[in-house]
N, C-alpha and C. Protein backbone atom coordinates (compact mmCIF):
# COMPACT_ATOMS: atom_id res chain seq x y z
N MET A 1 -23.87 35.68 -1.22
CA MET A 1 -24.23 34.51 -0.46
C MET A 1 -24.50 33.33 -1.40
N ASP A 2 -23.59 32.37 -1.19
CA ASP A 2 -23.70 30.82 -2.12
C ASP A 2 -24.62 30.11 -1.21
N ILE A 3 -25.92 30.13 -1.67
CA ILE A 3 -26.80 29.17 -1.09
C ILE A 3 -26.87 27.54 -1.84
N LYS A 4 -26.83 26.60 -0.79
CA LYS A 4 -26.77 25.15 -1.61
C LYS A 4 -27.30 24.08 -0.60
N SER A 5 -27.40 23.00 -1.28
CA SER A 5 -28.09 21.86 -0.77
C SER A 5 -27.06 21.13 0.01
N LYS A 6 -27.57 21.04 1.57
CA LYS A 6 -26.40 20.36 2.35
C LYS A 6 -26.90 19.65 3.24
N LYS A 7 -26.47 18.48 4.18
CA LYS A 7 -27.44 18.00 5.14
C LYS A 7 -26.35 18.22 6.47
N LEU A 8 -26.91 18.30 7.55
CA LEU A 8 -26.63 18.50 9.05
C LEU A 8 -26.69 17.21 9.77
N SER A 9 -25.82 16.39 10.31
CA SER A 9 -26.27 15.23 10.96
C SER A 9 -25.47 15.37 11.94
N LEU A 10 -26.22 15.13 13.31
CA LEU A 10 -25.32 15.17 14.67
C LEU A 10 -26.06 14.34 15.54
N VAL A 11 -25.13 13.63 16.37
CA VAL A 11 -25.61 12.71 17.45
C VAL A 11 -25.57 12.96 18.98
N GLN A 12 -26.11 12.32 19.86
CA GLN A 12 -25.89 12.64 21.10
C GLN A 12 -25.98 14.13 21.64
N ILE A 13 -26.71 14.74 21.56
CA ILE A 13 -27.10 16.26 21.71
C ILE A 13 -27.69 16.60 22.90
N VAL A 14 -27.04 17.61 23.44
CA VAL A 14 -27.54 18.33 24.65
C VAL A 14 -27.31 19.81 24.83
N GLY A 15 -28.47 20.40 25.33
CA GLY A 15 -28.54 21.58 25.22
C GLY A 15 -29.56 22.33 26.21
N PHE A 16 -29.79 23.37 25.98
CA PHE A 16 -30.62 24.18 26.86
C PHE A 16 -31.61 25.28 26.35
N GLU A 17 -32.65 25.74 26.64
CA GLU A 17 -33.16 26.88 26.07
C GLU A 17 -33.00 28.21 26.76
N ALA A 18 -33.29 29.40 25.82
CA ALA A 18 -32.68 30.50 26.22
C ALA A 18 -33.60 31.64 25.76
N SER A 19 -34.08 32.47 26.53
CA SER A 19 -34.81 33.35 26.16
C SER A 19 -34.32 34.53 25.53
N LEU A 20 -34.93 35.29 24.36
CA LEU A 20 -34.29 36.36 23.64
C LEU A 20 -35.24 37.61 24.23
N PRO A 21 -34.31 38.60 24.41
CA PRO A 21 -34.90 40.09 24.67
C PRO A 21 -35.85 40.30 23.16
N GLU A 22 -36.91 41.16 23.55
CA GLU A 22 -37.54 41.78 22.69
C GLU A 22 -36.85 42.46 21.50
N GLU A 23 -35.74 43.35 21.78
CA GLU A 23 -34.96 43.87 20.75
C GLU A 23 -33.74 43.17 20.89
N PHE A 24 -33.05 42.79 19.93
CA PHE A 24 -31.47 42.21 20.04
C PHE A 24 -30.94 42.45 18.49
N ILE A 25 -29.68 42.42 18.24
CA ILE A 25 -28.39 42.58 17.53
C ILE A 25 -28.16 40.90 17.17
N LEU A 26 -28.41 40.84 15.65
CA LEU A 26 -28.25 39.16 15.18
C LEU A 26 -26.78 39.08 15.63
N GLU A 27 -25.96 39.62 15.19
CA GLU A 27 -24.47 39.54 15.59
C GLU A 27 -23.91 39.10 17.19
N GLU A 28 -24.75 39.94 18.09
CA GLU A 28 -24.98 39.58 19.51
C GLU A 28 -25.15 38.60 19.70
N MET A 29 -26.37 38.25 19.03
CA MET A 29 -27.16 37.00 19.49
C MET A 29 -26.19 35.63 19.26
N CYS A 30 -25.62 35.70 18.34
CA CYS A 30 -24.80 34.42 17.64
C CYS A 30 -23.51 34.52 18.94
N ALA A 31 -22.84 35.66 19.16
CA ALA A 31 -21.91 35.87 20.16
C ALA A 31 -22.23 35.18 21.43
N GLU A 32 -23.24 35.68 21.95
CA GLU A 32 -23.83 35.41 23.16
C GLU A 32 -24.43 33.68 23.09
N ALA A 33 -24.88 33.17 22.22
CA ALA A 33 -24.97 31.84 22.12
C ALA A 33 -23.87 31.19 22.14
N TYR A 34 -22.85 31.42 21.47
CA TYR A 34 -21.49 30.67 21.31
C TYR A 34 -20.84 30.88 22.70
N THR A 35 -20.81 32.24 23.68
CA THR A 35 -20.49 32.02 24.98
C THR A 35 -21.17 31.34 25.85
N SER A 36 -22.32 31.25 25.78
CA SER A 36 -23.23 30.57 26.58
C SER A 36 -23.31 29.05 26.59
N CYS A 37 -22.73 28.50 25.39
CA CYS A 37 -22.57 27.45 25.10
C CYS A 37 -21.32 26.83 25.63
N GLN A 38 -20.36 27.62 25.64
CA GLN A 38 -19.24 27.27 26.12
C GLN A 38 -19.06 27.26 27.60
N GLU A 39 -19.64 28.35 28.20
CA GLU A 39 -19.85 28.26 29.74
C GLU A 39 -20.62 26.74 30.20
N PHE A 40 -21.83 26.70 29.24
CA PHE A 40 -22.35 25.26 29.53
C PHE A 40 -21.42 24.19 29.75
N ILE A 41 -20.72 23.97 28.56
CA ILE A 41 -19.77 22.81 28.37
C ILE A 41 -18.91 22.67 29.73
N GLY A 42 -18.40 23.98 29.73
CA GLY A 42 -17.61 23.94 31.06
C GLY A 42 -18.17 23.43 32.30
N ASP A 43 -19.38 24.02 32.66
CA ASP A 43 -20.13 23.47 33.66
C ASP A 43 -20.46 22.18 33.60
N MET A 44 -20.76 21.48 32.66
CA MET A 44 -21.09 19.96 32.51
C MET A 44 -19.97 19.00 32.54
N LEU A 45 -18.53 19.59 32.46
CA LEU A 45 -17.59 18.72 32.57
C LEU A 45 -17.49 17.60 32.81
N ASP A 46 -18.14 17.24 34.36
CA ASP A 46 -18.21 16.42 35.14
C ASP A 46 -19.05 15.32 34.61
N VAL A 47 -20.01 15.53 33.63
CA VAL A 47 -21.06 14.74 33.27
C VAL A 47 -20.67 14.20 31.69
N ILE A 48 -20.45 15.18 31.03
CA ILE A 48 -20.44 15.16 29.41
C ILE A 48 -18.75 15.50 28.96
N TYR A 49 -18.24 14.87 27.95
CA TYR A 49 -17.14 15.12 27.24
C TYR A 49 -17.81 15.94 25.85
N SER A 50 -17.75 17.13 25.64
CA SER A 50 -18.09 17.94 24.24
C SER A 50 -17.21 17.70 23.36
N ASP A 51 -17.39 17.08 22.56
CA ASP A 51 -16.55 16.92 21.14
C ASP A 51 -17.19 17.55 19.96
N GLY A 52 -18.49 18.25 19.94
CA GLY A 52 -18.93 18.52 18.80
C GLY A 52 -19.09 20.25 18.56
N PRO A 53 -19.76 20.52 17.60
CA PRO A 53 -19.93 21.87 17.27
C PRO A 53 -21.04 22.56 18.41
N VAL A 54 -21.09 23.75 18.32
CA VAL A 54 -21.72 24.60 19.12
C VAL A 54 -22.81 25.08 17.87
N TYR A 55 -24.38 24.97 18.55
CA TYR A 55 -25.18 25.33 17.50
C TYR A 55 -26.42 25.88 18.06
N PHE A 56 -27.33 26.78 17.36
CA PHE A 56 -28.62 27.06 18.27
C PHE A 56 -29.78 26.81 16.98
N LYS A 57 -30.89 26.50 17.32
CA LYS A 57 -31.83 26.59 16.62
C LYS A 57 -32.82 27.78 17.05
N PHE A 58 -33.60 28.30 15.89
CA PHE A 58 -34.33 29.67 16.10
C PHE A 58 -35.24 29.60 14.89
N TYR A 59 -36.21 30.15 15.31
CA TYR A 59 -37.34 30.50 14.39
C TYR A 59 -37.43 31.85 13.88
N PRO A 60 -36.53 32.66 13.06
CA PRO A 60 -36.43 33.82 12.65
C PRO A 60 -37.29 34.57 11.98
N LEU A 61 -38.46 33.64 11.49
CA LEU A 61 -39.65 34.05 10.66
C LEU A 61 -40.73 34.22 11.53
N SER A 62 -40.79 33.75 12.72
CA SER A 62 -41.81 33.06 13.42
C SER A 62 -42.27 34.56 14.00
N SER A 63 -43.82 34.78 14.37
CA SER A 63 -44.08 35.70 15.13
C SER A 63 -44.61 35.21 16.78
N SER A 64 -44.34 33.89 16.90
CA SER A 64 -44.69 33.47 18.09
C SER A 64 -43.77 32.67 18.77
N LYS A 65 -42.61 32.36 18.34
CA LYS A 65 -41.65 31.28 18.59
C LYS A 65 -40.47 32.38 18.97
N SER A 66 -40.13 32.81 20.20
CA SER A 66 -39.15 33.75 20.27
C SER A 66 -37.76 33.29 21.24
N ASP A 67 -37.68 31.97 21.55
CA ASP A 67 -36.87 30.99 22.42
C ASP A 67 -35.76 30.59 21.41
N ILE A 68 -34.48 30.62 21.72
CA ILE A 68 -33.54 29.63 21.02
C ILE A 68 -33.37 28.56 21.97
N GLU A 69 -33.03 27.40 21.36
CA GLU A 69 -32.18 26.39 21.88
C GLU A 69 -30.90 26.24 21.44
N ILE A 70 -29.85 26.14 22.60
CA ILE A 70 -28.35 26.15 22.26
C ILE A 70 -27.94 24.64 22.63
N PHE A 71 -27.29 24.28 21.61
CA PHE A 71 -27.13 22.72 21.54
C PHE A 71 -25.44 22.54 21.56
N THR A 72 -24.82 21.40 21.95
CA THR A 72 -23.56 20.68 21.32
C THR A 72 -23.84 19.33 21.64
N THR A 73 -22.85 18.67 21.06
CA THR A 73 -22.68 17.17 21.39
C THR A 73 -21.93 16.75 22.29
N PHE A 74 -22.21 15.27 22.71
CA PHE A 74 -21.12 14.85 23.57
C PHE A 74 -20.61 13.43 23.26
N GLY A 75 -19.45 13.34 23.58
CA GLY A 75 -18.61 11.78 22.99
C GLY A 75 -18.70 10.65 24.18
N ASN A 76 -19.17 10.92 25.26
CA ASN A 76 -19.19 9.88 26.41
C ASN A 76 -21.08 9.25 26.40
N ALA A 77 -21.01 8.17 26.89
CA ALA A 77 -22.40 7.73 27.12
C ALA A 77 -23.06 8.16 28.35
N ILE A 78 -24.01 9.01 28.25
CA ILE A 78 -24.64 9.28 29.62
C ILE A 78 -26.22 8.53 29.67
N ASN A 79 -26.97 8.69 30.70
CA ASN A 79 -28.38 7.96 30.68
C ASN A 79 -29.21 9.30 30.93
N PRO A 80 -29.73 9.87 30.43
CA PRO A 80 -30.72 11.23 30.50
C PRO A 80 -31.91 10.33 31.00
N THR A 81 -32.31 11.08 32.39
CA THR A 81 -33.55 10.24 33.14
C THR A 81 -34.88 11.01 32.87
N GLY A 82 -34.69 12.31 32.15
CA GLY A 82 -35.73 12.88 31.84
C GLY A 82 -36.18 13.95 33.03
N LYS A 83 -35.60 13.78 33.97
CA LYS A 83 -35.85 14.44 35.02
C LYS A 83 -34.91 15.71 35.25
N GLU A 84 -34.33 16.15 34.00
CA GLU A 84 -33.33 17.24 34.03
C GLU A 84 -34.02 18.30 33.49
N PRO A 85 -35.27 18.76 33.80
CA PRO A 85 -36.07 19.97 33.00
C PRO A 85 -35.25 21.08 32.39
N GLN A 86 -34.19 21.43 32.97
CA GLN A 86 -33.37 22.52 32.32
C GLN A 86 -32.63 22.03 31.00
N LEU A 87 -32.71 20.68 30.88
CA LEU A 87 -31.52 20.26 29.84
C LEU A 87 -32.27 19.71 28.44
N LEU A 88 -31.86 19.71 27.63
CA LEU A 88 -32.76 19.43 26.18
C LEU A 88 -31.78 17.96 25.73
N PHE A 89 -32.39 16.91 25.53
CA PHE A 89 -31.58 15.77 25.12
C PHE A 89 -32.24 15.32 23.39
N LYS A 90 -31.40 15.11 22.83
CA LYS A 90 -31.64 14.36 21.56
C LYS A 90 -30.89 13.11 21.19
N GLU A 91 -31.45 11.95 20.72
CA GLU A 91 -30.17 11.08 20.21
C GLU A 91 -29.62 11.46 18.90
N ASN A 92 -30.19 11.98 18.06
CA ASN A 92 -29.68 12.39 16.70
C ASN A 92 -30.48 13.62 16.03
N LEU A 93 -29.80 14.19 15.12
CA LEU A 93 -30.71 15.34 14.24
C LEU A 93 -30.21 14.85 12.85
N LEU A 94 -30.95 14.95 12.11
CA LEU A 94 -30.49 14.96 10.67
C LEU A 94 -31.55 16.34 9.92
N ILE A 95 -30.69 17.03 9.43
CA ILE A 95 -31.40 18.17 8.67
C ILE A 95 -30.84 18.17 7.33
N ASP A 96 -31.92 17.89 6.12
CA ASP A 96 -31.53 17.98 4.68
C ASP A 96 -31.81 19.41 4.20
N SER A 97 -31.14 20.11 4.50
CA SER A 97 -31.46 21.55 3.90
C SER A 97 -31.10 21.87 2.50
N LYS A 98 -31.96 22.46 1.76
CA LYS A 98 -32.27 23.08 0.42
C LYS A 98 -31.59 24.40 0.49
N ASP A 99 -31.03 25.03 1.58
CA ASP A 99 -30.77 26.70 1.70
C ASP A 99 -29.54 26.72 2.92
N PHE A 100 -28.62 25.86 2.62
CA PHE A 100 -27.35 25.79 3.48
C PHE A 100 -26.48 27.00 2.77
N ALA A 101 -25.82 27.55 3.82
CA ALA A 101 -24.87 29.14 3.51
C ALA A 101 -23.83 28.98 4.33
N GLN A 102 -22.58 29.27 4.20
CA GLN A 102 -21.58 29.49 5.30
C GLN A 102 -21.60 31.22 5.34
N ILE A 103 -21.51 31.74 6.26
CA ILE A 103 -21.67 33.34 6.38
C ILE A 103 -21.02 33.86 7.55
N SER A 104 -21.22 35.15 7.71
CA SER A 104 -20.68 36.02 8.57
C SER A 104 -22.13 36.18 9.49
N ALA A 105 -21.66 36.23 10.73
CA ALA A 105 -22.91 36.73 11.76
C ALA A 105 -23.61 38.17 11.20
N GLU A 106 -22.87 38.97 10.72
CA GLU A 106 -23.33 40.07 9.83
C GLU A 106 -24.30 40.02 9.01
N GLU A 107 -24.05 38.50 8.32
CA GLU A 107 -24.75 38.22 6.92
C GLU A 107 -26.09 37.92 7.07
N LEU A 108 -26.38 37.32 8.63
CA LEU A 108 -27.72 36.68 8.58
C LEU A 108 -28.78 37.49 8.45
N ALA A 109 -28.90 38.66 8.48
CA ALA A 109 -30.46 39.44 8.30
C ALA A 109 -30.65 39.03 6.80
N ASP A 110 -29.55 39.35 5.92
CA ASP A 110 -29.30 38.89 4.33
C ASP A 110 -30.12 37.42 4.07
N TYR A 111 -29.51 36.26 5.12
CA TYR A 111 -30.20 35.26 4.83
C TYR A 111 -31.43 35.26 5.19
N TYR A 112 -32.09 35.76 6.28
CA TYR A 112 -33.50 35.53 6.88
C TYR A 112 -34.17 36.22 5.72
N THR A 113 -33.54 37.22 4.97
CA THR A 113 -34.32 37.99 4.01
C THR A 113 -34.63 37.17 2.65
N TYR A 114 -33.49 36.45 2.47
CA TYR A 114 -33.56 35.45 1.39
C TYR A 114 -34.64 34.19 1.53
N LEU A 115 -34.83 33.91 2.77
CA LEU A 115 -35.89 32.91 3.51
C LEU A 115 -37.37 33.40 3.23
N VAL A 116 -37.55 34.57 3.54
CA VAL A 116 -38.81 35.45 3.75
C VAL A 116 -39.44 35.38 2.25
N SER A 117 -38.03 35.40 1.19
CA SER A 117 -38.60 35.74 -0.09
C SER A 117 -38.78 34.28 -0.97
N LYS A 118 -38.18 33.10 -0.16
CA LYS A 118 -38.65 31.90 -0.91
C LYS A 118 -39.72 31.05 -0.09
N TYR A 119 -40.15 30.90 0.93
CA TYR A 119 -40.93 30.63 1.37
C TYR A 119 -42.63 31.38 1.71
N PRO A 120 -43.60 30.79 1.39
CA PRO A 120 -44.61 31.50 1.61
C PRO A 120 -44.96 31.87 3.13
N GLU A 121 -45.57 32.72 3.25
CA GLU A 121 -46.04 33.35 5.00
C GLU A 121 -46.69 32.32 5.66
N ASP A 122 -47.43 31.45 5.21
CA ASP A 122 -48.04 30.33 6.12
C ASP A 122 -47.02 29.29 6.33
N GLU A 123 -45.75 29.25 5.79
CA GLU A 123 -44.91 28.31 6.31
C GLU A 123 -43.58 28.93 7.31
N HIS A 124 -43.84 30.26 7.72
CA HIS A 124 -42.98 30.84 8.08
C HIS A 124 -42.85 30.51 9.67
N GLU A 125 -43.87 30.13 10.62
CA GLU A 125 -43.73 29.61 11.78
C GLU A 125 -43.36 28.41 12.16
N ARG A 126 -42.98 27.43 10.80
CA ARG A 126 -42.63 26.15 11.03
C ARG A 126 -41.27 26.00 10.57
N LEU A 127 -40.46 27.39 9.99
CA LEU A 127 -39.02 27.29 9.42
C LEU A 127 -38.41 27.33 10.67
N ALA A 128 -37.67 26.46 10.87
CA ALA A 128 -36.46 26.59 11.70
C ALA A 128 -35.29 26.70 10.98
N VAL A 129 -34.28 27.41 11.75
CA VAL A 129 -32.98 27.72 10.97
C VAL A 129 -32.05 27.04 12.19
N TYR A 130 -30.98 26.26 11.89
CA TYR A 130 -29.83 25.77 12.69
C TYR A 130 -28.50 26.67 12.24
N HIS A 131 -28.09 27.15 13.34
CA HIS A 131 -26.99 28.04 13.37
C HIS A 131 -25.66 27.19 13.59
N VAL A 132 -24.87 26.76 13.05
CA VAL A 132 -23.48 26.35 13.70
C VAL A 132 -22.53 27.20 13.55
N LEU A 133 -21.92 27.24 14.98
CA LEU A 133 -21.07 28.36 15.12
C LEU A 133 -19.72 27.94 15.29
N SER A 134 -18.67 28.75 14.86
CA SER A 134 -17.24 28.40 15.17
C SER A 134 -16.52 29.77 14.89
N LEU A 135 -15.38 29.61 15.14
CA LEU A 135 -14.33 30.68 14.95
C LEU A 135 -13.45 30.37 13.81
N SER A 136 -13.34 31.37 13.31
CA SER A 136 -12.17 31.47 12.20
C SER A 136 -10.72 31.29 12.64
N SER A 137 -9.87 31.50 12.00
CA SER A 137 -8.32 31.60 12.37
C SER A 137 -8.04 32.83 12.82
N ASP A 138 -8.78 33.90 12.53
CA ASP A 138 -8.57 35.12 13.07
C ASP A 138 -9.74 35.72 13.81
N ASP A 139 -10.34 34.65 14.51
CA ASP A 139 -11.23 34.64 15.90
C ASP A 139 -12.43 35.52 15.40
N GLU A 140 -12.87 35.35 14.24
CA GLU A 140 -14.13 35.80 13.68
C GLU A 140 -15.35 34.87 13.69
N LEU A 141 -16.32 35.15 14.14
CA LEU A 141 -17.67 34.13 14.31
C LEU A 141 -18.20 33.76 12.73
N VAL A 142 -17.99 32.37 12.54
CA VAL A 142 -18.59 31.95 11.00
C VAL A 142 -19.82 31.09 11.49
N VAL A 143 -20.89 31.65 10.91
CA VAL A 143 -22.10 30.57 11.03
C VAL A 143 -22.51 29.61 9.55
N ASP A 144 -22.45 28.60 9.77
CA ASP A 144 -23.28 27.66 8.84
C ASP A 144 -24.65 27.43 9.32
N VAL A 145 -25.29 28.02 8.31
CA VAL A 145 -26.98 28.07 8.52
C VAL A 145 -27.69 27.04 7.60
N TYR A 146 -28.56 26.38 8.14
CA TYR A 146 -29.33 25.03 7.61
C TYR A 146 -30.83 25.37 7.98
N SER A 147 -31.48 25.60 6.97
CA SER A 147 -32.98 25.80 7.12
C SER A 147 -33.97 24.53 7.23
N ASP A 148 -34.97 24.24 7.99
CA ASP A 148 -35.73 23.26 7.73
C ASP A 148 -37.05 23.46 8.04
N LEU A 149 -37.96 22.89 7.29
CA LEU A 149 -39.53 23.30 7.47
C LEU A 149 -39.92 22.08 8.64
N GLU A 150 -40.47 22.37 9.39
CA GLU A 150 -40.75 20.98 10.50
C GLU A 150 -42.36 20.80 10.17
N VAL A 151 -42.39 19.51 10.39
CA VAL A 151 -43.47 18.77 10.14
C VAL A 151 -44.31 18.86 11.53
N ASP A 152 -45.56 19.29 11.45
CA ASP A 152 -46.42 19.55 12.74
C ASP A 152 -46.74 18.23 13.20
């Protein structure tokens, strides 16, 4: 696994929160997040034009944060009112990750193990991992992972 520094910059982000079961397989979680976001994009076609990646935010080292947030970006102007409780909106996202890797979904456990060894235990609750999902030319799921310590 090749770890390096890389920035993730996205604008006009829309998404939703999803709960994970107590027990799950990482590869299945990625596939389900990808499929759920594609369905979300289809359901929102009358409101948004999605022109960006599918990604989800997850706290893999946290003992208290078990939900994931699934997002895409949109290319048209919308005016969120804040009254859409099921939707999450962000104007922009900038992650300056020192732990970027492009891996398969099967390699996620190894990436998380790397993070456990790098970050002290008291930072585990704040370590967010952004998983940008795409399909390779042979329809295999590719995951670009970026980690970020969030400020309280």
